[in-house]
């Protein structure tokens, strides 16, 4: 069943948070929703790379990459791994790469843009912490709804 963010907003109104930052829909799925898991990292995707290997159980990973477009935080191989491990989607406040692969992967992917440059692998970052971007606070366990209209969060 496809859930549209406009319909969700009409139902829940101001009890929802709406992301003000314009994100691109880059994955094979443009409508996705699920409980939030978070990663905070800056130009280093080590924590995200580890998390996607774990069972996703239909959750959406929200990655706060500080809005950096200097390098990617997720590419085609990572997206396939996430989809294979039952993650519903990934929202990246930063860049991805391999757009051609992402578009055919059965995973919702939202990102600020793309950059072919690889991220560092120093192991810095945090998982399952509160992250804030686009005027919204993402808490682990909240529900996120995404489509081409935008991103909504319900605590």
N, C-alpha and C. Protein backbone atom coordinates (compact mmCIF):
# COMPACT_ATOMS: atom_id res chain seq x y z
N UNK A 1 0.84 -1.18 0.00
CA UNK A 1 0.00 0.00 0.00
C UNK A 1 0.89 1.25 0.00
N UNK A 2 0.62 2.16 -0.92
CA UNK A 2 1.37 3.40 -1.02
C UNK A 2 0.77 4.44 -0.08
N UNK A 3 1.63 5.05 0.72
CA UNK A 3 1.20 6.10 1.64
C UNK A 3 1.77 7.42 1.14
N UNK A 4 0.91 8.40 0.93
CA UNK A 4 1.33 9.71 0.44
C UNK A 4 1.49 10.67 1.62
N UNK A 5 2.58 11.43 1.61
CA UNK A 5 2.83 12.35 2.72
C UNK A 5 1.73 13.42 2.82
N UNK A 6 1.18 13.86 1.71
CA UNK A 6 0.11 14.86 1.76
C UNK A 6 -1.10 14.31 2.52
N UNK A 7 -1.43 13.04 2.29
CA UNK A 7 -2.55 12.43 3.00
C UNK A 7 -2.24 12.26 4.49
N UNK A 8 -1.01 11.87 4.78
CA UNK A 8 -0.60 11.74 6.19
C UNK A 8 -0.69 13.10 6.88
N UNK A 9 -0.21 14.14 6.19
CA UNK A 9 -0.28 15.48 6.78
C UNK A 9 -1.72 15.91 7.00
N UNK A 10 -2.59 15.64 6.02
CA UNK A 10 -4.01 16.00 6.17
C UNK A 10 -4.63 15.29 7.37
N UNK A 11 -4.17 14.08 7.66
CA UNK A 11 -4.71 13.31 8.78
C UNK A 11 -4.16 13.78 10.13
N UNK A 12 -2.86 14.04 10.19
CA UNK A 12 -2.22 14.33 11.48
C UNK A 12 -1.85 15.80 11.69
N UNK A 13 -1.80 16.59 10.62
CA UNK A 13 -1.55 18.02 10.72
C UNK A 13 -0.30 18.40 11.49
N UNK A 14 -0.46 19.38 12.35
CA UNK A 14 0.67 19.97 13.06
C UNK A 14 1.30 19.06 14.13
N UNK A 15 0.76 17.86 14.29
CA UNK A 15 1.43 16.91 15.19
C UNK A 15 2.66 16.31 14.53
N UNK A 16 2.81 16.57 13.22
CA UNK A 16 3.94 16.07 12.44
C UNK A 16 5.01 17.14 12.29
N UNK A 17 6.24 16.70 12.12
CA UNK A 17 7.32 17.59 11.73
C UNK A 17 7.54 17.39 10.22
N UNK A 18 7.79 18.47 9.51
CA UNK A 18 8.00 18.43 8.07
C UNK A 18 9.38 18.98 7.74
N UNK A 19 10.20 18.18 7.06
CA UNK A 19 11.56 18.59 6.71
C UNK A 19 11.50 19.70 5.67
N UNK A 20 12.18 20.81 5.96
CA UNK A 20 12.15 21.97 5.06
C UNK A 20 13.25 21.91 3.99
N UNK A 21 14.25 21.08 4.17
CA UNK A 21 15.33 20.96 3.20
C UNK A 21 14.87 20.14 2.00
N UNK A 22 15.16 20.59 0.78
CA UNK A 22 14.76 19.81 -0.40
C UNK A 22 15.70 18.61 -0.62
N UNK A 23 15.15 17.42 -0.53
CA UNK A 23 15.90 16.19 -0.77
C UNK A 23 15.48 15.60 -2.11
N UNK A 24 16.40 14.94 -2.78
CA UNK A 24 16.11 14.23 -4.03
C UNK A 24 15.72 12.79 -3.71
N UNK A 25 14.75 12.25 -4.45
CA UNK A 25 14.41 10.83 -4.34
C UNK A 25 15.26 10.08 -5.36
N UNK A 26 16.17 9.22 -4.87
CA UNK A 26 17.16 8.59 -5.76
C UNK A 26 17.08 7.07 -5.80
N UNK A 27 16.29 6.45 -4.93
CA UNK A 27 16.22 5.00 -4.89
C UNK A 27 15.14 4.45 -5.81
N UNK A 28 15.06 3.14 -5.85
CA UNK A 28 14.05 2.46 -6.66
C UNK A 28 12.65 2.58 -6.09
N UNK A 29 12.54 2.91 -4.82
CA UNK A 29 11.24 3.14 -4.17
C UNK A 29 11.13 4.62 -3.82
N UNK A 30 10.02 5.24 -4.24
CA UNK A 30 9.85 6.66 -3.95
C UNK A 30 8.90 6.92 -2.79
N UNK A 31 8.11 5.93 -2.41
CA UNK A 31 7.24 6.01 -1.24
C UNK A 31 7.75 4.99 -0.23
N UNK A 32 8.14 5.47 0.95
CA UNK A 32 8.58 4.54 1.98
C UNK A 32 8.37 5.15 3.35
N UNK A 33 8.24 4.29 4.32
CA UNK A 33 8.05 4.75 5.70
C UNK A 33 8.50 3.65 6.65
N UNK A 34 8.71 4.03 7.91
CA UNK A 34 9.10 3.05 8.91
C UNK A 34 9.68 3.73 10.14
N UNK A 35 9.99 2.93 11.14
CA UNK A 35 10.62 3.48 12.34
C UNK A 35 12.03 3.97 12.03
N UNK A 36 12.43 5.01 12.73
CA UNK A 36 13.72 5.66 12.51
C UNK A 36 14.83 4.98 13.29
N UNK A 37 15.95 4.78 12.61
CA UNK A 37 17.26 4.48 13.21
C UNK A 37 18.16 5.60 12.73
N UNK A 38 19.10 6.03 13.53
CA UNK A 38 19.92 7.17 13.13
C UNK A 38 21.41 6.89 13.15
N UNK A 39 22.10 7.66 12.31
CA UNK A 39 23.56 7.68 12.27
C UNK A 39 23.97 9.15 12.15
N UNK A 40 24.93 9.56 12.95
CA UNK A 40 25.53 10.89 12.80
C UNK A 40 26.98 10.67 12.40
N UNK A 41 27.37 11.20 11.27
CA UNK A 41 28.74 11.06 10.79
C UNK A 41 29.06 12.22 9.88
N UNK A 42 30.32 12.50 9.69
CA UNK A 42 30.72 13.59 8.80
C UNK A 42 31.82 13.09 7.88
N UNK A 43 31.46 12.91 6.62
CA UNK A 43 32.40 12.48 5.58
C UNK A 43 33.11 11.17 5.91
N UNK A 44 32.45 10.31 6.69
CA UNK A 44 32.98 8.99 7.07
C UNK A 44 31.78 8.07 7.21
N UNK A 45 31.71 7.03 6.37
CA UNK A 45 30.52 6.17 6.38
C UNK A 45 30.71 4.85 7.12
N UNK A 46 31.71 4.73 7.97
CA UNK A 46 31.99 3.47 8.65
C UNK A 46 30.82 2.99 9.49
N UNK A 47 30.22 3.86 10.28
CA UNK A 47 29.11 3.47 11.16
C UNK A 47 27.91 3.05 10.32
N UNK A 48 27.61 3.80 9.27
CA UNK A 48 26.50 3.44 8.38
C UNK A 48 26.77 2.11 7.69
N UNK A 49 27.97 1.91 7.22
CA UNK A 49 28.33 0.67 6.54
C UNK A 49 28.12 -0.55 7.44
N UNK A 50 28.41 -0.40 8.73
CA UNK A 50 28.18 -1.49 9.68
C UNK A 50 26.68 -1.68 9.93
N UNK A 51 25.94 -0.59 10.13
CA UNK A 51 24.52 -0.70 10.46
C UNK A 51 23.73 -1.41 9.37
N UNK A 52 24.00 -1.13 8.11
CA UNK A 52 23.22 -1.73 7.03
C UNK A 52 23.42 -3.25 6.92
N UNK A 53 24.45 -3.78 7.56
CA UNK A 53 24.64 -5.24 7.54
C UNK A 53 23.76 -5.94 8.59
N UNK A 54 23.16 -5.17 9.47
CA UNK A 54 22.29 -5.71 10.51
C UNK A 54 20.87 -5.84 9.97
N UNK A 55 20.01 -6.70 10.56
CA UNK A 55 18.62 -6.78 10.11
C UNK A 55 17.91 -5.44 10.28
N UNK A 56 17.29 -4.96 9.22
CA UNK A 56 16.62 -3.66 9.24
C UNK A 56 15.21 -3.70 9.78
N UNK A 57 14.55 -4.84 9.65
CA UNK A 57 13.17 -5.01 10.16
C UNK A 57 12.24 -3.90 9.67
N UNK A 58 12.44 -3.43 8.45
CA UNK A 58 11.55 -2.43 7.87
C UNK A 58 11.80 -1.01 8.32
N UNK A 59 12.91 -0.75 8.98
CA UNK A 59 13.21 0.59 9.48
C UNK A 59 13.86 1.45 8.40
N UNK A 60 13.89 2.75 8.67
CA UNK A 60 14.51 3.74 7.80
C UNK A 60 15.71 4.33 8.53
N UNK A 61 16.86 4.32 7.89
CA UNK A 61 18.07 4.90 8.48
C UNK A 61 18.12 6.38 8.10
N UNK A 62 18.23 7.23 9.11
CA UNK A 62 18.37 8.66 8.90
C UNK A 62 19.82 9.02 9.22
N UNK A 63 20.54 9.49 8.20
CA UNK A 63 21.97 9.78 8.32
C UNK A 63 22.19 11.29 8.31
N UNK A 64 22.70 11.81 9.41
CA UNK A 64 23.06 13.22 9.44
C UNK A 64 24.54 13.34 9.10
N UNK A 65 24.79 13.66 7.84
CA UNK A 65 26.15 13.85 7.36
C UNK A 65 26.56 15.32 7.37
N UNK A 66 25.85 16.13 8.15
CA UNK A 66 26.19 17.53 8.26
C UNK A 66 25.92 18.34 7.01
N UNK A 67 25.18 17.74 6.06
CA UNK A 67 24.87 18.44 4.82
C UNK A 67 26.03 18.53 3.85
N UNK A 68 27.11 17.80 4.11
CA UNK A 68 28.29 17.86 3.25
C UNK A 68 28.05 17.16 1.92
N UNK A 69 28.45 17.83 0.86
CA UNK A 69 28.41 17.24 -0.48
C UNK A 69 29.82 16.97 -0.99
N UNK A 70 30.80 17.01 -0.08
CA UNK A 70 32.21 16.83 -0.46
C UNK A 70 32.55 15.40 -0.83
N UNK A 71 31.79 14.43 -0.33
CA UNK A 71 32.02 13.01 -0.64
C UNK A 71 30.74 12.24 -0.36
N UNK A 72 30.68 11.02 -0.86
CA UNK A 72 29.48 10.20 -0.67
C UNK A 72 29.49 9.54 0.70
N UNK A 73 28.28 9.25 1.19
CA UNK A 73 28.14 8.44 2.40
C UNK A 73 27.53 7.07 2.10
N UNK A 74 26.94 6.92 0.89
CA UNK A 74 26.39 5.63 0.49
C UNK A 74 26.41 5.52 -1.03
N UNK A 75 26.77 4.32 -1.50
CA UNK A 75 26.77 4.05 -2.93
C UNK A 75 25.94 2.82 -3.26
N UNK A 76 26.08 2.35 -4.47
CA UNK A 76 25.27 1.24 -4.96
C UNK A 76 25.42 -0.05 -4.18
N UNK A 77 26.65 -0.44 -3.85
CA UNK A 77 26.86 -1.69 -3.11
C UNK A 77 26.23 -1.60 -1.72
N UNK A 78 26.37 -0.47 -1.05
CA UNK A 78 25.78 -0.31 0.28
C UNK A 78 24.26 -0.33 0.19
N UNK A 79 23.70 0.29 -0.82
CA UNK A 79 22.24 0.30 -0.99
C UNK A 79 21.71 -1.11 -1.19
N UNK A 80 22.40 -1.90 -2.00
CA UNK A 80 21.96 -3.29 -2.21
C UNK A 80 22.02 -4.07 -0.90
N UNK A 81 23.08 -3.87 -0.12
CA UNK A 81 23.21 -4.54 1.17
C UNK A 81 22.06 -4.14 2.09
N UNK A 82 21.74 -2.86 2.13
CA UNK A 82 20.63 -2.39 2.97
C UNK A 82 19.31 -3.04 2.54
N UNK A 83 19.05 -3.08 1.25
CA UNK A 83 17.82 -3.69 0.75
C UNK A 83 17.77 -5.18 1.09
N UNK A 84 18.88 -5.87 0.92
CA UNK A 84 18.94 -7.31 1.22
C UNK A 84 18.70 -7.58 2.71
N UNK A 85 19.02 -6.61 3.56
CA UNK A 85 18.86 -6.80 5.00
C UNK A 85 17.58 -6.18 5.54
N UNK A 86 16.63 -5.94 4.65
CA UNK A 86 15.27 -5.52 5.01
C UNK A 86 15.19 -4.11 5.61
N UNK A 87 16.06 -3.20 5.17
CA UNK A 87 15.88 -1.79 5.49
C UNK A 87 14.92 -1.24 4.45
N UNK A 88 14.00 -0.39 4.86
CA UNK A 88 13.01 0.17 3.94
C UNK A 88 13.56 1.35 3.16
N UNK A 89 14.41 2.14 3.83
CA UNK A 89 14.94 3.31 3.17
C UNK A 89 16.08 3.94 3.94
N UNK A 90 16.72 4.91 3.28
CA UNK A 90 17.81 5.67 3.88
C UNK A 90 17.64 7.13 3.47
N UNK A 91 17.71 8.02 4.46
CA UNK A 91 17.68 9.46 4.21
C UNK A 91 19.07 9.97 4.56
N UNK A 92 19.74 10.58 3.59
CA UNK A 92 21.12 11.03 3.79
C UNK A 92 21.19 12.55 3.71
N UNK A 93 21.46 13.18 4.83
CA UNK A 93 21.71 14.62 4.85
C UNK A 93 23.15 14.83 4.41
N UNK A 94 23.37 14.58 3.13
CA UNK A 94 24.69 14.59 2.53
C UNK A 94 24.59 14.00 1.14
N UNK A 95 25.70 13.49 0.64
CA UNK A 95 25.77 12.99 -0.73
C UNK A 95 25.81 11.47 -0.80
N UNK A 96 25.35 10.95 -1.94
CA UNK A 96 25.45 9.53 -2.29
C UNK A 96 26.19 9.46 -3.63
N UNK A 97 26.37 8.25 -4.13
CA UNK A 97 26.93 8.10 -5.48
C UNK A 97 26.31 6.87 -6.12
N UNK A 98 26.69 6.61 -7.37
CA UNK A 98 26.15 5.48 -8.14
C UNK A 98 24.65 5.64 -8.38
N UNK A 99 24.23 6.82 -8.79
CA UNK A 99 22.81 7.08 -9.00
C UNK A 99 22.14 6.04 -9.89
N UNK A 100 22.84 5.58 -10.92
CA UNK A 100 22.26 4.60 -11.84
C UNK A 100 21.93 3.30 -11.11
N UNK A 101 22.75 2.89 -10.15
CA UNK A 101 22.48 1.69 -9.36
C UNK A 101 21.39 1.95 -8.32
N UNK A 102 21.45 3.09 -7.68
CA UNK A 102 20.46 3.42 -6.66
C UNK A 102 19.05 3.41 -7.25
N UNK A 103 18.90 3.90 -8.46
CA UNK A 103 17.58 4.01 -9.09
C UNK A 103 16.92 2.66 -9.33
N UNK A 104 17.72 1.58 -9.39
CA UNK A 104 17.16 0.25 -9.64
C UNK A 104 17.19 -0.64 -8.40
N UNK A 105 17.59 -0.08 -7.27
CA UNK A 105 17.64 -0.84 -6.02
C UNK A 105 16.31 -0.71 -5.30
N UNK A 106 15.71 -1.82 -4.83
CA UNK A 106 14.41 -1.75 -4.16
C UNK A 106 14.53 -1.19 -2.75
N UNK A 107 14.86 0.10 -2.68
CA UNK A 107 15.10 0.78 -1.42
C UNK A 107 14.75 2.25 -1.62
N UNK A 108 14.09 2.84 -0.64
CA UNK A 108 13.86 4.28 -0.68
C UNK A 108 15.15 4.99 -0.32
N UNK A 109 15.54 5.98 -1.12
CA UNK A 109 16.76 6.73 -0.84
C UNK A 109 16.49 8.20 -1.11
N UNK A 110 16.73 9.00 -0.09
CA UNK A 110 16.66 10.45 -0.24
C UNK A 110 18.02 11.01 0.15
N UNK A 111 18.50 11.96 -0.63
CA UNK A 111 19.79 12.58 -0.36
C UNK A 111 19.78 14.00 -0.91
N UNK A 112 20.77 14.78 -0.47
CA UNK A 112 20.89 16.15 -0.95
C UNK A 112 21.44 16.22 -2.36
N UNK A 113 22.21 15.22 -2.75
CA UNK A 113 22.83 15.20 -4.07
C UNK A 113 23.80 14.05 -4.17
N UNK A 114 24.71 14.15 -5.12
CA UNK A 114 25.66 13.06 -5.33
C UNK A 114 27.06 13.61 -5.56
N UNK A 115 28.03 12.74 -5.29
CA UNK A 115 29.44 13.04 -5.52
C UNK A 115 30.15 11.70 -5.65
N UNK A 116 30.94 11.49 -6.71
CA UNK A 116 31.61 10.20 -6.89
C UNK A 116 32.76 9.96 -5.90
N UNK A 117 33.19 10.97 -5.20
CA UNK A 117 34.31 10.84 -4.26
C UNK A 117 33.92 10.00 -3.05
N UNK A 118 34.77 9.01 -2.71
CA UNK A 118 34.53 8.15 -1.55
C UNK A 118 34.73 8.91 -0.24
N UNK A 119 34.01 8.45 0.78
CA UNK A 119 34.19 9.03 2.11
C UNK A 119 35.40 8.42 2.79
N UNK A 120 35.80 9.01 3.90
CA UNK A 120 36.89 8.43 4.68
C UNK A 120 36.37 7.22 5.44
N UNK A 121 37.27 6.46 5.99
CA UNK A 121 36.92 5.24 6.73
C UNK A 121 37.67 5.23 8.06
N UNK A 122 37.51 6.28 8.84
CA UNK A 122 38.22 6.40 10.12
C UNK A 122 37.45 5.83 11.30
N UNK A 123 36.20 5.47 11.08
CA UNK A 123 35.40 4.89 12.16
C UNK A 123 34.71 5.92 13.03
N UNK A 124 34.71 7.18 12.61
CA UNK A 124 34.04 8.19 13.43
C UNK A 124 32.55 8.21 13.12
N UNK A 125 31.77 8.52 14.13
CA UNK A 125 30.32 8.60 13.97
C UNK A 125 29.61 7.99 15.16
N UNK A 126 28.30 8.22 15.21
CA UNK A 126 27.46 7.71 16.30
C UNK A 126 26.20 7.07 15.72
N UNK A 127 25.66 6.13 16.42
CA UNK A 127 24.46 5.42 16.00
C UNK A 127 23.38 5.55 17.06
N UNK A 128 22.11 5.62 16.60
CA UNK A 128 20.94 5.67 17.49
C UNK A 128 21.00 6.84 18.46
N UNK A 129 21.34 8.02 17.92
CA UNK A 129 21.33 9.26 18.68
C UNK A 129 20.34 10.21 18.01
N UNK A 130 19.87 11.19 18.73
CA UNK A 130 18.99 12.20 18.17
C UNK A 130 19.78 13.04 17.17
N UNK A 131 19.21 13.25 15.98
CA UNK A 131 19.84 14.10 14.98
C UNK A 131 18.84 15.16 14.53
N UNK A 132 19.36 16.32 14.14
CA UNK A 132 18.51 17.44 13.75
C UNK A 132 19.01 18.02 12.43
N UNK A 133 18.11 18.11 11.46
CA UNK A 133 18.39 18.84 10.21
C UNK A 133 17.08 19.14 9.53
N UNK A 134 17.09 20.14 8.66
CA UNK A 134 15.88 20.52 7.94
C UNK A 134 14.76 20.98 8.85
N UNK A 135 15.11 21.49 10.04
CA UNK A 135 14.11 21.95 10.98
C UNK A 135 13.38 20.85 11.72
N UNK A 136 13.89 19.62 11.64
CA UNK A 136 13.23 18.46 12.24
C UNK A 136 14.20 17.72 13.16
N UNK A 137 13.67 17.22 14.26
CA UNK A 137 14.43 16.36 15.16
C UNK A 137 14.02 14.91 14.88
N UNK A 138 15.00 14.09 14.54
CA UNK A 138 14.78 12.67 14.29
C UNK A 138 15.24 11.90 15.52
N UNK A 139 14.30 11.20 16.15
CA UNK A 139 14.62 10.38 17.32
C UNK A 139 14.48 8.91 16.95
N UNK A 140 15.39 8.07 17.40
CA UNK A 140 15.23 6.64 17.14
C UNK A 140 13.85 6.17 17.63
N UNK A 141 13.16 5.43 16.76
CA UNK A 141 11.84 4.91 17.10
C UNK A 141 10.69 5.75 16.58
N UNK A 142 10.94 7.02 16.23
CA UNK A 142 9.89 7.84 15.61
C UNK A 142 9.54 7.20 14.26
N UNK A 143 8.42 7.62 13.68
CA UNK A 143 8.02 7.10 12.37
C UNK A 143 8.26 8.18 11.33
N UNK A 144 8.90 7.80 10.23
CA UNK A 144 9.17 8.73 9.14
C UNK A 144 8.41 8.26 7.90
N UNK A 145 7.85 9.23 7.18
CA UNK A 145 7.12 8.99 5.95
C UNK A 145 7.79 9.79 4.84
N UNK A 146 8.08 9.15 3.69
CA UNK A 146 8.78 9.81 2.60
C UNK A 146 8.12 9.52 1.27
N UNK A 147 8.08 10.54 0.43
CA UNK A 147 7.71 10.37 -0.97
C UNK A 147 8.27 11.56 -1.74
N UNK A 148 7.85 11.73 -2.98
CA UNK A 148 8.41 12.81 -3.80
C UNK A 148 8.01 14.20 -3.30
N UNK A 149 6.97 14.29 -2.46
CA UNK A 149 6.57 15.57 -1.89
C UNK A 149 7.45 15.99 -0.73
N UNK A 150 8.05 15.03 -0.03
CA UNK A 150 8.89 15.40 1.10
C UNK A 150 8.99 14.33 2.16
N UNK A 151 9.35 14.80 3.36
CA UNK A 151 9.62 13.91 4.50
C UNK A 151 8.86 14.43 5.72
N UNK A 152 8.09 13.55 6.35
CA UNK A 152 7.36 13.87 7.56
C UNK A 152 7.81 12.94 8.68
N UNK A 153 7.79 13.45 9.92
CA UNK A 153 8.17 12.65 11.07
C UNK A 153 7.09 12.76 12.14
N UNK A 154 6.72 11.59 12.68
CA UNK A 154 5.74 11.51 13.78
C UNK A 154 6.40 10.82 14.96
N UNK A 155 6.48 11.52 16.08
CA UNK A 155 7.08 10.93 17.30
C UNK A 155 6.15 9.93 17.94
